[in-house]
Amino acid sequence: MTDTTQLTMHHRELLDQVLDKWSLQILDALCGNPQRFNELRRSIPTVTQKSLTTALRRLERNGMVERVVIGTRPIAVEYRVAPLGKTLQELIDALLHWSTVTLPEVELARIRFDEQFE
């Protein structure tokens, strides 16, 4: 395997883990302010508990999210965007803006495509 191929694989793996369906929504929600697990789950109502847990662990492993134990009774956990994750905020905002602006055009393209097979 060449160095370029290996580098591409590592880039792809990182992008797959940071730009997946739930990670983008989690990072967007946490960029506003830190949240506890259930607050985060309510802010993304379509995510399951298992998917949210998996995505948070993956983001934490990649240095994008920090898990902070709050020393209250009962002990609570809060999630916040780590400094490395904050470097993605501008990109996330750009992607969300792009998807909002282009969605009508994408929907028309889908309709035209689907009509070919009716």
PDB file of N, CA and C in Angstrom:
ATOM      1  N   MET A   1       0.847  -1.167   0.000  1.00  0.00           N
ATOM      2  CA  MET A   1       0.000   0.000   0.000  1.00  0.00           C
ATOM      3  C   MET A   1       0.900   1.240   0.000  1.00  0.00           C
ATOM      4  N   THR A   2       0.599   2.168  -0.867  1.00  0.00           N
ATOM      5  CA  THR A   2       1.408   3.385  -0.965  1.00  0.00           C
ATOM      6  C   THR A   2       1.071   4.339   0.179  1.00  0.00           C
ATOM      7  N   ASP A   3       1.975   5.288   0.411  1.00  0.00           N
ATOM      8  CA  ASP A   3       1.736   6.290   1.456  1.00  0.00           C
ATOM      9  C   ASP A   3       0.493   7.108   1.158  1.00  0.00           C
ATOM     10  N   THR A   4       0.271   7.424  -0.111  1.00  0.00           N
ATOM     11  CA  THR A   4      -0.899   8.215  -0.514  1.00  0.00           C
ATOM     12  C   THR A   4      -2.185   7.448  -0.240  1.00  0.00           C
ATOM     13  N   THR A   5      -2.195   6.155  -0.557  1.00  0.00           N
ATOM     14  CA  THR A   5      -3.382   5.337  -0.320  1.00  0.00           C
ATOM     15  C   THR A   5      -3.680   5.254   1.169  1.00  0.00           C
ATOM     16  N   GLN A   6      -2.635   5.055   1.967  1.00  0.00           N
ATOM     17  CA  GLN A   6      -2.815   4.958   3.406  1.00  0.00           C
ATOM     18  C   GLN A   6      -3.305   6.286   3.978  1.00  0.00           C
ATOM     19  N   LEU A   7      -2.755   7.385   3.501  1.00  0.00           N
ATOM     20  CA  LEU A   7      -3.184   8.703   3.942  1.00  0.00           C
ATOM     21  C   LEU A   7      -4.644   8.941   3.588  1.00  0.00           C
ATOM     22  N   THR A   8      -5.032   8.574   2.384  1.00  0.00           N
ATOM     23  CA  THR A   8      -6.417   8.719   1.949  1.00  0.00           C
ATOM     24  C   THR A   8      -7.351   7.895   2.826  1.00  0.00           C
ATOM     25  N   MET A   9      -6.939   6.686   3.186  1.00  0.00           N
ATOM     26  CA  MET A   9      -7.751   5.834   4.058  1.00  0.00           C
ATOM     27  C   MET A   9      -7.958   6.500   5.416  1.00  0.00           C
ATOM     28  N   HIS A  10      -6.908   7.091   5.971  1.00  0.00           N
ATOM     29  CA  HIS A  10      -7.010   7.750   7.266  1.00  0.00           C
ATOM     30  C   HIS A  10      -7.908   8.979   7.188  1.00  0.00           C
ATOM     31  N   HIS A  11      -7.789   9.744   6.110  1.00  0.00           N
ATOM     32  CA  HIS A  11      -8.668  10.906   5.923  1.00  0.00           C
ATOM     33  C   HIS A  11     -10.119  10.453   5.838  1.00  0.00           C
ATOM     34  N   ARG A  12     -10.353   9.430   5.052  1.00  0.00           N
ATOM     35  CA  ARG A  12     -11.713   8.921   4.844  1.00  0.00           C
ATOM     36  C   ARG A  12     -12.322   8.439   6.156  1.00  0.00           C
ATOM     37  N   GLU A  13     -11.516   7.718   6.937  1.00  0.00           N
ATOM     38  CA  GLU A  13     -11.995   7.210   8.225  1.00  0.00           C
ATOM     39  C   GLU A  13     -12.396   8.366   9.148  1.00  0.00           C
ATOM     40  N   LEU A  14     -11.547   9.383   9.231  1.00  0.00           N
ATOM     41  CA  LEU A  14     -11.848  10.526  10.083  1.00  0.00           C
ATOM     42  C   LEU A  14     -13.107  11.251   9.604  1.00  0.00           C
ATOM     43  N   LEU A  15     -13.198  11.502   8.317  1.00  0.00           N
ATOM     44  CA  LEU A  15     -14.377  12.193   7.783  1.00  0.00           C
ATOM     45  C   LEU A  15     -15.644  11.375   7.992  1.00  0.00           C
ATOM     46  N   ASP A  16     -15.555  10.065   7.817  1.00  0.00           N
ATOM     47  CA  ASP A  16     -16.717   9.203   8.057  1.00  0.00           C
ATOM     48  C   ASP A  16     -17.193   9.299   9.501  1.00  0.00           C
ATOM     49  N   GLN A  17     -16.253   9.429  10.425  1.00  0.00           N
ATOM     50  CA  GLN A  17     -16.602   9.461  11.841  1.00  0.00           C
ATOM     51  C   GLN A  17     -17.073  10.834  12.310  1.00  0.00           C
ATOM     52  N   VAL A  18     -16.631  11.886  11.667  1.00  0.00           N
ATOM     53  CA  VAL A  18     -16.971  13.235  12.108  1.00  0.00           C
ATOM     54  C   VAL A  18     -18.154  13.815  11.334  1.00  0.00           C
ATOM     55  N   LEU A  19     -18.346  13.371  10.102  1.00  0.00           N
ATOM     56  CA  LEU A  19     -19.399  13.948   9.262  1.00  0.00           C
ATOM     57  C   LEU A  19     -20.582  13.017   9.045  1.00  0.00           C
ATOM     58  N   ASP A  20     -20.754  12.033   9.912  1.00  0.00           N
ATOM     59  CA  ASP A  20     -21.879  11.138   9.723  1.00  0.00           C
ATOM     60  C   ASP A  20     -23.191  11.826  10.133  1.00  0.00           C
ATOM     61  N   LYS A  21     -24.270  11.140   9.936  1.00  0.00           N
ATOM     62  CA  LYS A  21     -25.608  11.688  10.148  1.00  0.00           C
ATOM     63  C   LYS A  21     -25.783  12.326  11.527  1.00  0.00           C
ATOM     64  N   TRP A  22     -25.405  11.631  12.574  1.00  0.00           N
ATOM     65  CA  TRP A  22     -25.655  12.125  13.921  1.00  0.00           C
ATOM     66  C   TRP A  22     -24.581  13.079  14.405  1.00  0.00           C
ATOM     67  N   SER A  23     -23.342  12.843  14.029  1.00  0.00           N
ATOM     68  CA  SER A  23     -22.240  13.669  14.531  1.00  0.00           C
ATOM     69  C   SER A  23     -22.417  15.136  14.158  1.00  0.00           C
ATOM     70  N   LEU A  24     -22.823  15.410  12.940  1.00  0.00           N
ATOM     71  CA  LEU A  24     -23.041  16.802  12.525  1.00  0.00           C
ATOM     72  C   LEU A  24     -24.104  17.471  13.386  1.00  0.00           C
ATOM     73  N   GLN A  25     -25.188  16.761  13.639  1.00  0.00           N
ATOM     74  CA  GLN A  25     -26.270  17.333  14.441  1.00  0.00           C
ATOM     75  C   GLN A  25     -25.845  17.521  15.896  1.00  0.00           C
ATOM     76  N   ILE A  26     -25.081  16.572  16.411  1.00  0.00           N
ATOM     77  CA  ILE A  26     -24.591  16.671  17.789  1.00  0.00           C
ATOM     78  C   ILE A  26     -23.654  17.859  17.924  1.00  0.00           C
ATOM     79  N   LEU A  27     -22.697  17.964  17.019  1.00  0.00           N
ATOM     80  CA  LEU A  27     -21.752  19.077  17.079  1.00  0.00           C
ATOM     81  C   LEU A  27     -22.464  20.413  16.931  1.00  0.00           C
ATOM     82  N   ASP A  28     -23.430  20.477  16.043  1.00  0.00           N
ATOM     83  CA  ASP A  28     -24.180  21.716  15.859  1.00  0.00           C
ATOM     84  C   ASP A  28     -24.930  22.081  17.138  1.00  0.00           C
ATOM     85  N   ALA A  29     -25.551  21.099  17.774  1.00  0.00           N
ATOM     86  CA  ALA A  29     -26.293  21.357  19.014  1.00  0.00           C
ATOM     87  C   ALA A  29     -25.357  21.777  20.144  1.00  0.00           C
ATOM     88  N   LEU A  30     -24.210  21.127  20.242  1.00  0.00           N
ATOM     89  CA  LEU A  30     -23.282  21.426  21.333  1.00  0.00           C
ATOM     90  C   LEU A  30     -22.494  22.704  21.126  1.00  0.00           C
ATOM     91  N   CYS A  31     -22.375  23.161  19.898  1.00  0.00           N
ATOM     92  CA  CYS A  31     -21.646  24.416  19.658  1.00  0.00           C
ATOM     93  C   CYS A  31     -22.365  25.585  20.305  1.00  0.00           C
ATOM     94  N   GLY A  32     -23.667  25.483  20.446  1.00  0.00           N
ATOM     95  CA  GLY A  32     -24.425  26.542  21.105  1.00  0.00           C
ATOM     96  C   GLY A  32     -24.123  26.600  22.593  1.00  0.00           C
ATOM     97  N   ASN A  33     -24.158  25.459  23.242  1.00  0.00           N
ATOM     98  CA  ASN A  33     -23.867  25.388  24.669  1.00  0.00           C
ATOM     99  C   ASN A  33     -23.746  23.920  25.088  1.00  0.00           C
ATOM    100  N   PRO A  34     -23.033  23.668  26.189  1.00  0.00           N
ATOM    101  CA  PRO A  34     -22.931  22.292  26.686  1.00  0.00           C
ATOM    102  C   PRO A  34     -24.306  21.762  27.067  1.00  0.00           C
ATOM    103  N   GLN A  35     -24.464  20.447  26.945  1.00  0.00           N
ATOM    104  CA  GLN A  35     -25.754  19.844  27.271  1.00  0.00           C
ATOM    105  C   GLN A  35     -25.559  18.501  27.948  1.00  0.00           C
ATOM    106  N   ARG A  36     -26.502  18.160  28.790  1.00  0.00           N
ATOM    107  CA  ARG A  36     -26.522  16.830  29.364  1.00  0.00           C
ATOM    108  C   ARG A  36     -27.134  15.894  28.332  1.00  0.00           C
ATOM    109  N   PHE A  37     -26.973  14.600  28.556  1.00  0.00           N
ATOM    110  CA  PHE A  37     -27.381  13.593  27.573  1.00  0.00           C
ATOM    111  C   PHE A  37     -28.849  13.757  27.169  1.00  0.00           C
ATOM    112  N   ASN A  38     -29.737  13.836  28.150  1.00  0.00           N
ATOM    113  CA  ASN A  38     -31.169  13.916  27.819  1.00  0.00           C
ATOM    114  C   ASN A  38     -31.542  15.231  27.142  1.00  0.00           C
ATOM    115  N   GLU A  39     -30.863  16.310  27.487  1.00  0.00           N
ATOM    116  CA  GLU A  39     -31.094  17.580  26.789  1.00  0.00           C
ATOM    117  C   GLU A  39     -30.703  17.443  25.324  1.00  0.00           C
ATOM    118  N   LEU A  40     -29.570  16.815  25.111  1.00  0.00           N
ATOM    119  CA  LEU A  40     -29.076  16.608  23.753  1.00  0.00           C
ATOM    120  C   LEU A  40     -30.029  15.713  22.973  1.00  0.00           C
ATOM    121  N   ARG A  41     -30.509  14.681  23.623  1.00  0.00           N
ATOM    122  CA  ARG A  41     -31.455  13.767  22.965  1.00  0.00           C
ATOM    123  C   ARG A  41     -32.747  14.495  22.586  1.00  0.00           C
ATOM    124  N   ARG A  42     -33.215  15.383  23.446  1.00  0.00           N
ATOM    125  CA  ARG A  42     -34.425  16.157  23.129  1.00  0.00           C
ATOM    126  C   ARG A  42     -34.176  17.139  21.989  1.00  0.00           C
ATOM    127  N   SER A  43     -32.958  17.654  21.893  1.00  0.00           N
ATOM    128  CA  SER A  43     -32.673  18.610  20.816  1.00  0.00           C
ATOM    129  C   SER A  43     -32.510  17.926  19.467  1.00  0.00           C
ATOM    130  N   ILE A  44     -32.317  16.604  19.472  1.00  0.00           N
ATOM    131  CA  ILE A  44     -32.254  15.809  18.234  1.00  0.00           C
ATOM    132  C   ILE A  44     -33.269  14.675  18.392  1.00  0.00           C
ATOM    133  N   PRO A  45     -34.548  14.961  18.229  1.00  0.00           N
ATOM    134  CA  PRO A  45     -35.594  13.990  18.575  1.00  0.00           C
ATOM    135  C   PRO A  45     -35.581  12.695  17.770  1.00  0.00           C
ATOM    136  N   THR A  46     -34.958  12.682  16.600  1.00  0.00           N
ATOM    137  CA  THR A  46     -34.978  11.465  15.780  1.00  0.00           C
ATOM    138  C   THR A  46     -33.862  10.481  16.119  1.00  0.00           C
ATOM    139  N   VAL A  47     -32.934  10.871  16.984  1.00  0.00           N
ATOM    140  CA  VAL A  47     -31.825   9.985  17.321  1.00  0.00           C
ATOM    141  C   VAL A  47     -32.261   9.035  18.447  1.00  0.00           C
ATOM    142  N   THR A  48     -31.832   7.784  18.326  1.00  0.00           N
ATOM    143  CA  THR A  48     -32.111   6.828  19.390  1.00  0.00           C
ATOM    144  C   THR A  48     -31.064   6.973  20.483  1.00  0.00           C
ATOM    145  N   GLN A  49     -31.363   6.446  21.641  1.00  0.00           N
ATOM    146  CA  GLN A  49     -30.420   6.512  22.757  1.00  0.00           C
ATOM    147  C   GLN A  49     -29.114   5.813  22.384  1.00  0.00           C
ATOM    148  N   LYS A  50     -29.224   4.653  21.751  1.00  0.00           N
ATOM    149  CA  LYS A  50     -28.035   3.888  21.363  1.00  0.00           C
ATOM    150  C   LYS A  50     -27.193   4.653  20.333  1.00  0.00           C
ATOM    151  N   SER A  51     -27.835   5.226  19.325  1.00  0.00           N
ATOM    152  CA  SER A  51     -27.105   5.980  18.300  1.00  0.00           C
ATOM    153  C   SER A  51     -26.433   7.214  18.882  1.00  0.00           C
ATOM    154  N   LEU A  52     -27.117   7.880  19.805  1.00  0.00           N
ATOM    155  CA  LEU A  52     -26.542   9.068  20.432  1.00  0.00           C
ATOM    156  C   LEU A  52     -25.324   8.689  21.277  1.00  0.00           C
ATOM    157  N   THR A  53     -25.445   7.620  22.043  1.00  0.00           N
ATOM    158  CA  THR A  53     -24.329   7.154  22.866  1.00  0.00           C
ATOM    159  C   THR A  53     -23.137   6.784  22.004  1.00  0.00           C
ATOM    160  N   THR A  54     -23.382   6.048  20.934  1.00  0.00           N
ATOM    161  CA  THR A  54     -22.305   5.619  20.028  1.00  0.00           C
ATOM    162  C   THR A  54     -21.622   6.824  19.388  1.00  0.00           C
ATOM    163  N   ALA A  55     -22.417   7.765  18.902  1.00  0.00           N
ATOM    164  CA  ALA A  55     -21.852   8.948  18.235  1.00  0.00           C
ATOM    165  C   ALA A  55     -21.062   9.807  19.226  1.00  0.00           C
ATOM    166  N   LEU A  56     -21.574   9.981  20.438  1.00  0.00           N
ATOM    167  CA  LEU A  56     -20.861  10.768  21.440  1.00  0.00           C
ATOM    168  C   LEU A  56     -19.523  10.131  21.796  1.00  0.00           C
ATOM    169  N   ARG A  57     -19.508   8.824  21.942  1.00  0.00           N
ATOM    170  CA  ARG A  57     -18.247   8.127  22.237  1.00  0.00           C
ATOM    171  C   ARG A  57     -17.246   8.281  21.098  1.00  0.00           C
ATOM    172  N   ARG A  58     -17.742   8.164  19.875  1.00  0.00           N
ATOM    173  CA  ARG A  58     -16.864   8.309  18.699  1.00  0.00           C
ATOM    174  C   ARG A  58     -16.308   9.729  18.617  1.00  0.00           C
ATOM    175  N   LEU A  59     -17.152  10.713  18.857  1.00  0.00           N
ATOM    176  CA  LEU A  59     -16.703  12.106  18.840  1.00  0.00           C
ATOM    177  C   LEU A  59     -15.724  12.388  19.977  1.00  0.00           C
ATOM    178  N   GLU A  60     -15.967  11.803  21.129  1.00  0.00           N
ATOM    179  CA  GLU A  60     -15.049  11.974  22.253  1.00  0.00           C
ATOM    180  C   GLU A  60     -13.707  11.317  21.946  1.00  0.00           C
ATOM    181  N   ARG A  61     -13.734  10.130  21.377  1.00  0.00           N
ATOM    182  CA  ARG A  61     -12.502   9.424  21.015  1.00  0.00           C
ATOM    183  C   ARG A  61     -11.669  10.223  20.020  1.00  0.00           C
ATOM    184  N   ASN A  62     -12.335  10.924  19.101  1.00  0.00           N
ATOM    185  CA  ASN A  62     -11.646  11.716  18.083  1.00  0.00           C
ATOM    186  C   ASN A  62     -11.301  13.125  18.554  1.00  0.00           C
ATOM    187  N   GLY A  63     -11.577  13.430  19.817  1.00  0.00           N
ATOM    188  CA  GLY A  63     -11.196  14.723  20.373  1.00  0.00           C
ATOM    189  C   GLY A  63     -12.129  15.870  20.034  1.00  0.00           C
ATOM    190  N   MET A  64     -13.311  15.566  19.531  1.00  0.00           N
ATOM    191  CA  MET A  64     -14.245  16.611  19.117  1.00  0.00           C
ATOM    192  C   MET A  64     -15.177  17.048  20.250  1.00  0.00           C
ATOM    193  N   VAL A  65     -15.453  16.129  21.170  1.00  0.00           N
ATOM    194  CA  VAL A  65     -16.389  16.372  22.263  1.00  0.00           C
ATOM    195  C   VAL A  65     -15.720  15.981  23.574  1.00  0.00           C
ATOM    196  N   GLU A  66     -16.016  16.738  24.612  1.00  0.00           N
ATOM    197  CA  GLU A  66     -15.537  16.412  25.955  1.00  0.00           C
ATOM    198  C   GLU A  66     -16.715  15.978  26.815  1.00  0.00           C
ATOM    199  N   ARG A  67     -16.477  14.969  27.610  1.00  0.00           N
ATOM    200  CA  ARG A  67     -17.465  14.471  28.570  1.00  0.00           C
ATOM    201  C   ARG A  67     -16.999  14.940  29.938  1.00  0.00           C
ATOM    202  N   VAL A  68     -17.837  15.758  30.592  1.00  0.00           N
ATOM    203  CA  VAL A  68     -17.464  16.350  31.876  1.00  0.00           C
ATOM    204  C   VAL A  68     -18.411  15.842  32.957  1.00  0.00           C
ATOM    205  N   VAL A  69     -17.841  15.239  33.996  1.00  0.00           N
ATOM    206  CA  VAL A  69     -18.643  14.773  35.125  1.00  0.00           C
ATOM    207  C   VAL A  69     -18.844  15.946  36.067  1.00  0.00           C
ATOM    208  N   ILE A  70     -20.108  16.218  36.360  1.00  0.00           N
ATOM    209  CA  ILE A  70     -20.460  17.319  37.248  1.00  0.00           C
ATOM    210  C   ILE A  70     -20.651  16.726  38.639  1.00  0.00           C
ATOM    211  N   GLY A  71     -19.967  17.272  39.611  1.00  0.00           N
ATOM    212  CA  GLY A  71     -19.974  16.718  40.961  1.00  0.00           C
ATOM    213  C   GLY A  71     -21.185  17.096  41.779  1.00  0.00           C
ATOM    214  N   THR A  72     -22.362  16.844  41.254  1.00  0.00           N
ATOM    215  CA  THR A  72     -23.591  17.092  42.003  1.00  0.00           C
ATOM    216  C   THR A  72     -24.169  15.748  42.420  1.00  0.00           C
ATOM    217  N   ARG A  73     -25.183  15.807  43.263  1.00  0.00           N
ATOM    218  CA  ARG A  73     -25.864  14.570  43.652  1.00  0.00           C
ATOM    219  C   ARG A  73     -27.235  14.571  43.019  1.00  0.00           C
ATOM    220  N   PRO A  74     -27.636  13.634  42.222  1.00  0.00           N
ATOM    221  CA  PRO A  74     -26.785  12.564  41.709  1.00  0.00           C
ATOM    222  C   PRO A  74     -25.767  13.117  40.711  1.00  0.00           C
ATOM    223  N   ILE A  75     -24.707  12.370  40.514  1.00  0.00           N
ATOM    224  CA  ILE A  75     -23.658  12.779  39.592  1.00  0.00           C
ATOM    225  C   ILE A  75     -24.248  12.892  38.190  1.00  0.00           C
ATOM    226  N   ALA A  76     -23.912  13.963  37.512  1.00  0.00           N
ATOM    227  CA  ALA A  76     -24.416  14.200  36.158  1.00  0.00           C
ATOM    228  C   ALA A  76     -23.240  14.306  35.196  1.00  0.00           C
ATOM    229  N   VAL A  77     -23.536  14.077  33.936  1.00  0.00           N
ATOM    230  CA  VAL A  77     -22.523  14.185  32.886  1.00  0.00           C
ATOM    231  C   VAL A  77     -22.995  15.225  31.885  1.00  0.00           C
ATOM    232  N   GLU A  78     -22.074  16.075  31.485  1.00  0.00           N
ATOM    233  CA  GLU A  78     -22.366  17.115  30.505  1.00  0.00           C
ATOM    234  C   GLU A  78     -21.411  16.935  29.331  1.00  0.00           C
ATOM    235  N   TYR A  79     -21.922  17.171  28.139  1.00  0.00           N
ATOM    236  CA  TYR A  79     -21.101  17.091  26.931  1.00  0.00           C
ATOM    237  C   TYR A  79     -20.913  18.491  26.380  1.00  0.00           C
ATOM    238  N   ARG A  80     -19.690  18.764  25.925  1.00  0.00           N
ATOM    239  CA  ARG A  80     -19.399  20.058  25.325  1.00  0.00           C
ATOM    240  C   ARG A  80     -18.422  19.856  24.178  1.00  0.00           C
ATOM    241  N   VAL A  81     -18.401  20.815  23.287  1.00  0.00           N
ATOM    242  CA  VAL A  81     -17.479  20.743  22.161  1.00  0.00           C
ATOM    243  C   VAL A  81     -16.080  21.041  22.681  1.00  0.00           C
ATOM    244  N   ALA A  82     -15.142  20.173  22.335  1.00  0.00           N
ATOM    245  CA  ALA A  82     -13.743  20.359  22.708  1.00  0.00           C
ATOM    246  C   ALA A  82     -13.118  21.413  21.792  1.00  0.00           C
ATOM    247  N   PRO A  83     -11.987  21.973  22.178  1.00  0.00           N
ATOM    248  CA  PRO A  83     -11.332  22.960  21.310  1.00  0.00           C
ATOM    249  C   PRO A  83     -11.110  22.452  19.884  1.00  0.00           C
ATOM    250  N   LEU A  84     -10.728  21.200  19.737  1.00  0.00           N
ATOM    251  CA  LEU A  84     -10.551  20.644  18.391  1.00  0.00           C
ATOM    252  C   LEU A  84     -11.872  20.612  17.632  1.00  0.00           C
ATOM    253  N   GLY A  85     -12.950  20.284  18.314  1.00  0.00           N
ATOM    254  CA  GLY A  85     -14.270  20.265  17.688  1.00  0.00           C
ATOM    255  C   GLY A  85     -14.743  21.646  17.266  1.00  0.00           C
ATOM    256  N   LYS A  86     -14.329  22.660  18.023  1.00  0.00           N
ATOM    257  CA  LYS A  86     -14.731  24.035  17.681  1.00  0.00           C
ATOM    258  C   LYS A  86     -14.155  24.470  16.336  1.00  0.00           C
ATOM    259  N   THR A  87     -13.057  23.847  15.927  1.00  0.00           N
ATOM    260  CA  THR A  87     -12.480  24.195  14.629  1.00  0.00           C
ATOM    261  C   THR A  87     -13.390  23.771  13.487  1.00  0.00           C
ATOM    262  N   LEU A  88     -14.374  22.922  13.769  1.00  0.00           N
ATOM    263  CA  LEU A  88     -15.322  22.469  12.741  1.00  0.00           C
ATOM    264  C   LEU A  88     -16.546  23.379  12.616  1.00  0.00           C
ATOM    265  N   GLN A  89     -16.756  24.295  13.572  1.00  0.00           N
ATOM    266  CA  GLN A  89     -17.986  25.083  13.594  1.00  0.00           C
ATOM    267  C   GLN A  89     -18.236  25.828  12.286  1.00  0.00           C
ATOM    268  N   GLU A  90     -17.229  26.467  11.750  1.00  0.00           N
ATOM    269  CA  GLU A  90     -17.401  27.215  10.501  1.00  0.00           C
ATOM    270  C   GLU A  90     -17.784  26.277   9.353  1.00  0.00           C
ATOM    271  N   LEU A  91     -17.161  25.100   9.316  1.00  0.00           N
ATOM    272  CA  LEU A  91     -17.482  24.125   8.265  1.00  0.00           C
ATOM    273  C   LEU A  91     -18.899  23.580   8.428  1.00  0.00           C
ATOM    274  N   ILE A  92     -19.291  23.301   9.658  1.00  0.00           N
ATOM    275  CA  ILE A  92     -20.643  22.798   9.918  1.00  0.00           C
ATOM    276  C   ILE A  92     -21.673  23.847   9.516  1.00  0.00           C
ATOM    277  N   ASP A  93     -21.435  25.090   9.915  1.00  0.00           N
ATOM    278  CA  ASP A  93     -22.354  26.169   9.535  1.00  0.00           C
ATOM    279  C   ASP A  93     -22.460  26.289   8.018  1.00  0.00           C
ATOM    280  N   ALA A  94     -21.322  26.170   7.326  1.00  0.00           N
ATOM    281  CA  ALA A  94     -21.324  26.258   5.862  1.00  0.00           C
ATOM    282  C   ALA A  94     -22.106  25.100   5.248  1.00  0.00           C
ATOM    283  N   LEU A  95     -21.927  23.893   5.761  1.00  0.00           N
ATOM    284  CA  LEU A  95     -22.667  22.733   5.237  1.00  0.00           C
ATOM    285  C   LEU A  95     -24.168  22.881   5.477  1.00  0.00           C
ATOM    286  N   LEU A  96     -24.546  23.324   6.663  1.00  0.00           N
ATOM    287  CA  LEU A  96     -25.969  23.493   6.954  1.00  0.00           C
ATOM    288  C   LEU A  96     -26.569  24.605   6.093  1.00  0.00           C
ATOM    289  N   HIS A  97     -25.831  25.672   5.886  1.00  0.00           N
ATOM    290  CA  HIS A  97     -26.304  26.750   5.016  1.00  0.00           C
ATOM    291  C   HIS A  97     -26.458  26.243   3.576  1.00  0.00           C
ATOM    292  N   TRP A  98     -25.444  25.517   3.105  1.00  0.00           N
ATOM    293  CA  TRP A  98     -25.488  24.971   1.746  1.00  0.00           C
ATOM    294  C   TRP A  98     -26.701  24.065   1.574  1.00  0.00           C
ATOM    295  N   SER A  99     -26.948  23.181   2.555  1.00  0.00           N
ATOM    296  CA  SER A  99     -28.077  22.257   2.419  1.00  0.00           C
ATOM    297  C   SER A  99     -29.413  22.993   2.434  1.00  0.00           C
ATOM    298  N   THR A 100     -29.504  24.063   3.188  1.00  0.00           N
ATOM    299  CA  THR A 100     -30.733  24.860   3.219  1.00  0.00           C
ATOM    300  C   THR A 100     -30.966  25.564   1.886  1.00  0.00           C
ATOM    301  N   VAL A 101     -29.920  26.147   1.338  1.00  0.00           N
ATOM    302  CA  VAL A 101     -30.034  26.904   0.088  1.00  0.00           C
ATOM    303  C   VAL A 101     -30.301  25.984  -1.097  1.00  0.00           C
ATOM    304  N   THR A 102     -29.664  24.835  -1.146  1.00  0.00           N
ATOM    305  CA  THR A 102     -29.767  23.967  -2.322  1.00  0.00           C
ATOM    306  C   THR A 102     -30.880  22.935  -2.234  1.00  0.00           C
ATOM    307  N   LEU A 103     -31.515  22.790  -1.081  1.00  0.00           N
ATOM    308  CA  LEU A 103     -32.547  21.756  -0.937  1.00  0.00           C
ATOM    309  C   LEU A 103     -33.647  21.838  -1.996  1.00  0.00           C
ATOM    310  N   PRO A 104     -34.197  23.012  -2.305  1.00  0.00           N
ATOM    311  CA  PRO A 104     -35.230  23.048  -3.354  1.00  0.00           C
ATOM    312  C   PRO A 104     -34.719  22.524  -4.706  1.00  0.00           C
ATOM    313  N   GLU A 105     -33.503  22.861  -5.064  1.00  0.00           N
ATOM    314  CA  GLU A 105     -32.934  22.384  -6.328  1.00  0.00           C
ATOM    315  C   GLU A 105     -32.708  20.875  -6.296  1.00  0.00           C
ATOM    316  N   VAL A 106     -32.277  20.375  -5.162  1.00  0.00           N
ATOM    317  CA  VAL A 106     -32.065  18.928  -5.006  1.00  0.00           C
ATOM    318  C   VAL A 106     -33.395  18.190  -5.108  1.00  0.00           C
ATOM    319  N   GLU A 107     -34.418  18.734  -4.485  1.00  0.00           N
ATOM    320  CA  GLU A 107     -35.733  18.099  -4.543  1.00  0.00           C
ATOM    321  C   GLU A 107     -36.261  18.037  -5.977  1.00  0.00           C
ATOM    322  N   LEU A 108     -36.051  19.108  -6.757  1.00  0.00           N
ATOM    323  CA  LEU A 108     -36.458  19.094  -8.171  1.00  0.00           C
ATOM    324  C   LEU A 108     -35.679  18.038  -8.957  1.00  0.00           C
ATOM    325  N   ALA A 109     -34.397  17.936  -8.701  1.00  0.00           N
ATOM    326  CA  ALA A 109     -33.572  16.923  -9.375  1.00  0.00           C
ATOM    327  C   ALA A 109     -34.065  15.528  -9.037  1.00  0.00           C
ATOM    328  N   ARG A 110     -34.436  15.292  -7.798  1.00  0.00           N
ATOM    329  CA  ARG A 110     -34.959  13.984  -7.385  1.00  0.00           C
ATOM    330  C   ARG A 110     -36.257  13.656  -8.114  1.00  0.00           C
ATOM    331  N   ILE A 111     -37.132  14.655  -8.206  1.00  0.00           N
ATOM    332  CA  ILE A 111     -38.413  14.450  -8.897  1.00  0.00           C
ATOM    333  C   ILE A 111     -38.163  14.092 -10.363  1.00  0.00           C
ATOM    334  N   ARG A 112     -37.299  14.857 -11.041  1.00  0.00           N
ATOM    335  CA  ARG A 112     -36.987  14.573 -12.447  1.00  0.00           C
ATOM    336  C   ARG A 112     -36.392  13.179 -12.614  1.00  0.00           C
ATOM    337  N   PHE A 113     -35.520  12.797 -11.720  1.00  0.00           N
ATOM    338  CA  PHE A 113     -34.899  11.472 -11.781  1.00  0.00           C
ATOM    339  C   PHE A 113     -35.945  10.380 -11.582  1.00  0.00           C
ATOM    340  N   ASP A 114     -36.784  10.530 -10.556  1.00  0.00           N
ATOM    341  CA  ASP A 114     -37.798   9.520 -10.260  1.00  0.00           C
ATOM    342  C   ASP A 114     -38.833   9.372 -11.379  1.00  0.00           C
ATOM    343  N   GLU A 115     -39.136  10.490 -12.048  1.00  0.00           N
ATOM    344  CA  GLU A 115     -40.103  10.440 -13.152  1.00  0.00           C
ATOM    345  C   GLU A 115     -39.611   9.585 -14.310  1.00  0.00           C
ATOM    346  N   GLN A 116     -38.306   9.436 -14.456  1.00  0.00           N
ATOM    347  CA  GLN A 116     -37.744   8.609 -15.531  1.00  0.00           C
ATOM    348  C   GLN A 116     -38.094   7.136 -15.346  1.00  0.00           C
ATOM    349  N   PHE A 117     -38.376   6.734 -14.115  1.00  0.00           N
ATOM    350  CA  PHE A 117     -38.585   5.324 -13.830  1.00  0.00           C
ATOM    351  C   PHE A 117     -40.021   4.988 -13.468  1.00  0.00           C
ATOM    352  N   GLU A 118     -40.906   5.919 -13.723  1.00  0.00           N
ATOM    353  CA  GLU A 118     -42.322   5.642 -13.447  1.00  0.00           C
ATOM    354  C   GLU A 118     -42.982   4.988 -14.627  1.00  0.00           C
TER     355      GLU A 118
END
